[in-house]
Protein backbone atom coordinates (compact mmCIF):
# COMPACT_ATOMS: atom_id res chain seq x y z
CA MET A 1 29.18 24.10 5.44
CA SER A 2 29.49 20.18 4.82
CA ASN A 3 30.08 18.55 1.54
CA SER A 4 26.32 16.79 1.14
CA GLU A 5 25.34 20.71 1.74
CA LYS A 6 27.80 21.51 -0.62
CA ILE A 7 26.78 19.22 -3.12
CA ALA A 8 22.98 19.92 -2.82
CA GLY A 9 23.75 23.26 -3.37
CA LEU A 10 25.49 22.93 -6.37
CA ILE A 11 22.88 20.59 -8.18
CA ALA A 12 20.39 22.30 -7.16
CA PRO A 13 19.91 24.22 -10.65
CA LYS A 14 20.67 21.33 -12.43
CA LEU A 15 18.05 19.14 -10.80
CA GLU A 16 15.24 21.86 -11.08
CA GLU A 17 15.83 22.43 -14.63
CA LEU A 18 15.61 18.45 -15.14
CA GLY A 19 12.55 18.11 -13.33
CA CYS A 20 14.19 16.13 -10.62
CA PHE A 21 14.69 16.22 -6.90
CA LEU A 22 17.48 15.00 -4.67
CA VAL A 23 16.41 12.11 -2.51
CA ASP A 24 19.89 11.39 -0.55
CA ILE A 25 23.53 11.88 -0.75
CA LYS A 26 26.12 9.32 0.82
CA ILE A 27 30.05 10.34 1.40
CA ASN A 28 32.64 7.73 2.05
CA PRO A 29 35.38 10.22 2.71
CA SER A 30 38.08 7.44 3.59
CA VAL A 31 37.94 7.10 -0.47
CA ASN A 32 36.47 9.99 -1.72
CA LYS A 33 33.03 8.40 -3.07
CA TYR A 34 30.21 10.80 -3.42
CA GLU A 35 26.88 9.00 -4.32
CA ILE A 36 23.86 10.92 -5.09
CA PHE A 37 20.28 9.45 -5.56
CA ILE A 38 17.94 11.69 -7.79
CA ASP A 39 14.57 10.55 -8.85
CA ASN A 40 11.58 12.72 -10.60
CA MET A 41 7.77 11.97 -10.60
CA GLU A 42 7.68 10.16 -14.01
CA GLY A 43 10.79 7.78 -12.88
CA VAL A 44 14.06 9.25 -13.57
CA THR A 45 16.61 8.12 -16.48
CA ILE A 46 19.63 7.66 -17.27
CA GLU A 47 20.23 10.80 -19.38
CA ALA A 48 19.23 12.58 -16.49
CA CYS A 49 21.69 10.89 -14.31
CA MET A 50 24.43 11.45 -16.55
CA LYS A 51 23.72 15.07 -17.08
CA VAL A 52 23.56 15.79 -13.38
CA SER A 53 26.85 13.70 -12.85
CA ARG A 54 28.64 15.75 -15.61
CA TYR A 55 27.20 19.37 -14.39
CA LEU A 56 28.03 18.20 -10.79
CA GLU A 57 31.92 16.68 -11.78
CA SER A 58 32.57 19.88 -13.55
CA GLN A 59 31.29 21.97 -9.98
CA ILE A 60 33.26 19.86 -7.96
CA ASP A 61 36.46 20.56 -10.25
CA LEU A 62 36.14 24.07 -9.94
CA ASP A 63 35.91 23.83 -6.03
CA LYS A 64 38.91 23.52 -4.58
CA SER A 65 37.42 22.37 -1.45
CA PHE A 66 37.16 18.87 -2.61
CA PRO A 67 40.06 16.43 -3.09
CA GLU A 68 41.28 16.27 -6.69
CA GLN A 69 40.63 12.70 -6.92
CA TYR A 70 37.13 11.12 -6.51
CA SER A 71 34.54 8.70 -7.05
CA LEU A 72 31.02 10.48 -8.10
CA ASP A 73 27.86 8.07 -8.63
CA VAL A 74 24.77 9.76 -9.80
CA SER A 75 21.56 7.28 -9.18
CA SER A 76 17.77 6.69 -9.01
CA PRO A 77 17.38 5.58 -5.05
CA GLY A 78 16.30 1.80 -6.28
CA MET A 79 13.14 0.72 -5.01
CA GLU A 80 15.04 -1.82 -2.59
CA ASN A 81 15.71 1.26 -0.29
CA PRO A 82 13.08 3.33 1.92
CA PHE A 83 11.83 6.51 1.23
CA LYS A 84 13.52 9.43 2.59
CA VAL A 85 11.69 12.83 1.09
CA PRO A 86 8.18 13.73 0.95
CA GLN A 87 7.81 13.94 -3.12
CA GLN A 88 8.37 9.86 -2.79
CA TYR A 89 5.40 9.73 -1.24
CA ALA A 90 3.56 11.58 -3.66
CA LYS A 91 5.36 9.80 -6.60
CA ASN A 92 3.85 6.33 -5.06
CA ILE A 93 -0.05 7.44 -4.24
CA GLY A 94 -1.73 4.12 -5.63
CA LYS A 95 1.01 2.33 -5.47
CA THR A 96 1.37 -1.04 -2.92
CA VAL A 97 3.99 0.10 -0.29
CA GLU A 98 5.30 -1.67 3.19
CA LEU A 99 5.46 0.15 6.35
CA VAL A 100 7.86 -0.49 9.08
CA LEU A 101 6.60 0.85 12.52
CA ASN A 102 8.77 2.10 14.98
CA SER A 103 7.26 -1.03 17.29
CA GLY A 104 8.42 -3.63 14.32
CA ILE A 105 5.16 -4.33 13.19
CA LYS A 106 4.82 -4.28 9.27
CA LYS A 107 1.74 -2.99 7.63
CA GLU A 108 1.33 -3.17 3.41
CA GLY A 109 -1.23 -1.51 1.49
CA ILE A 110 -2.16 0.86 -1.23
CA LEU A 111 -0.99 4.45 -0.63
CA LYS A 112 -4.08 6.58 -0.64
CA GLU A 113 -3.03 9.80 0.72
CA ALA A 114 0.41 11.19 2.45
CA ASP A 115 1.39 14.83 3.91
CA ALA A 116 3.77 16.12 6.25
CA GLU A 117 1.92 14.27 9.15
CA LYS A 118 0.25 11.00 8.31
CA LEU A 119 0.04 8.48 5.72
CA ILE A 120 -3.38 6.68 4.71
CA LEU A 121 -3.10 3.26 3.48
CA GLU A 122 -5.97 1.23 1.87
CA VAL A 123 -5.28 -1.76 3.58
CA HIS A 124 -7.03 -5.42 2.20
CA ILE A 125 -8.01 -8.03 5.29
CA PRO A 126 -8.15 -11.29 4.00
CA PRO A 127 -11.36 -13.02 4.11
CA PRO A 128 -12.64 -15.42 6.77
CA LYS A 129 -13.68 -18.03 4.14
CA LYS A 130 -12.48 -19.05 0.55
CA GLY A 131 -14.80 -17.63 -2.11
CA MET A 132 -15.65 -14.16 0.05
CA LYS A 133 -14.32 -10.92 -1.02
CA PRO A 134 -11.49 -9.52 1.45
CA LYS A 135 -12.43 -6.63 3.70
CA ILE A 136 -11.23 -3.38 2.84
CA GLU A 137 -9.89 -0.80 5.43
CA GLU A 138 -8.34 2.45 5.59
CA ALA A 139 -5.18 2.84 8.36
CA VAL A 140 -4.17 6.18 9.17
CA PHE A 141 -0.19 6.34 10.41
CA ALA A 142 1.35 9.19 11.76
CA ILE A 143 4.45 9.85 9.96
CA ASP A 144 6.64 9.90 13.44
CA GLU A 145 5.38 6.60 13.97
CA ILE A 146 6.83 5.05 10.77
CA LYS A 147 10.37 3.75 10.84
CA SER A 148 10.50 3.25 7.17
CA THR A 149 8.51 2.85 4.06
CA LYS A 150 9.26 0.79 0.92
CA LYS A 151 7.71 0.29 -2.70
CA LYS A 152 6.32 -3.26 -2.74
CA ILE A 153 6.78 -5.01 -6.14
CA THR A 154 3.65 -6.98 -6.82
CA PHE A 155 3.19 -9.49 -9.67
């Protein structure tokens, strides 16, 4: 079992207790650094990250397969990072996202629906003339044709 799998197993009960989900685990074995990314549907708090961090630290300290000296960082995945798990898609229904397709083409729109096979974006097409309303279309993308999806920050 890899350290990523061990960490995922160790924190699963704490994440469930806090109503959070695991997004990603990054390990840098050369410096014994563990980065854990968690989230929840309302947005993860610093307090939840601290609770998970303390809990995981106590679990790692008991497990002799982990090095004695290590660095641990538990945080939210950050808005600049692509979605990694289905819960992130569900959390962002109704929000503007940017897709990068495997072909390199970028698409932007409001995430209307997402499941294991496809996602649906509401795409606003600029009007041909100033003063006209934009055309609104729904575009369907197969999950396997999407390279990455990120939340788009709009002002």
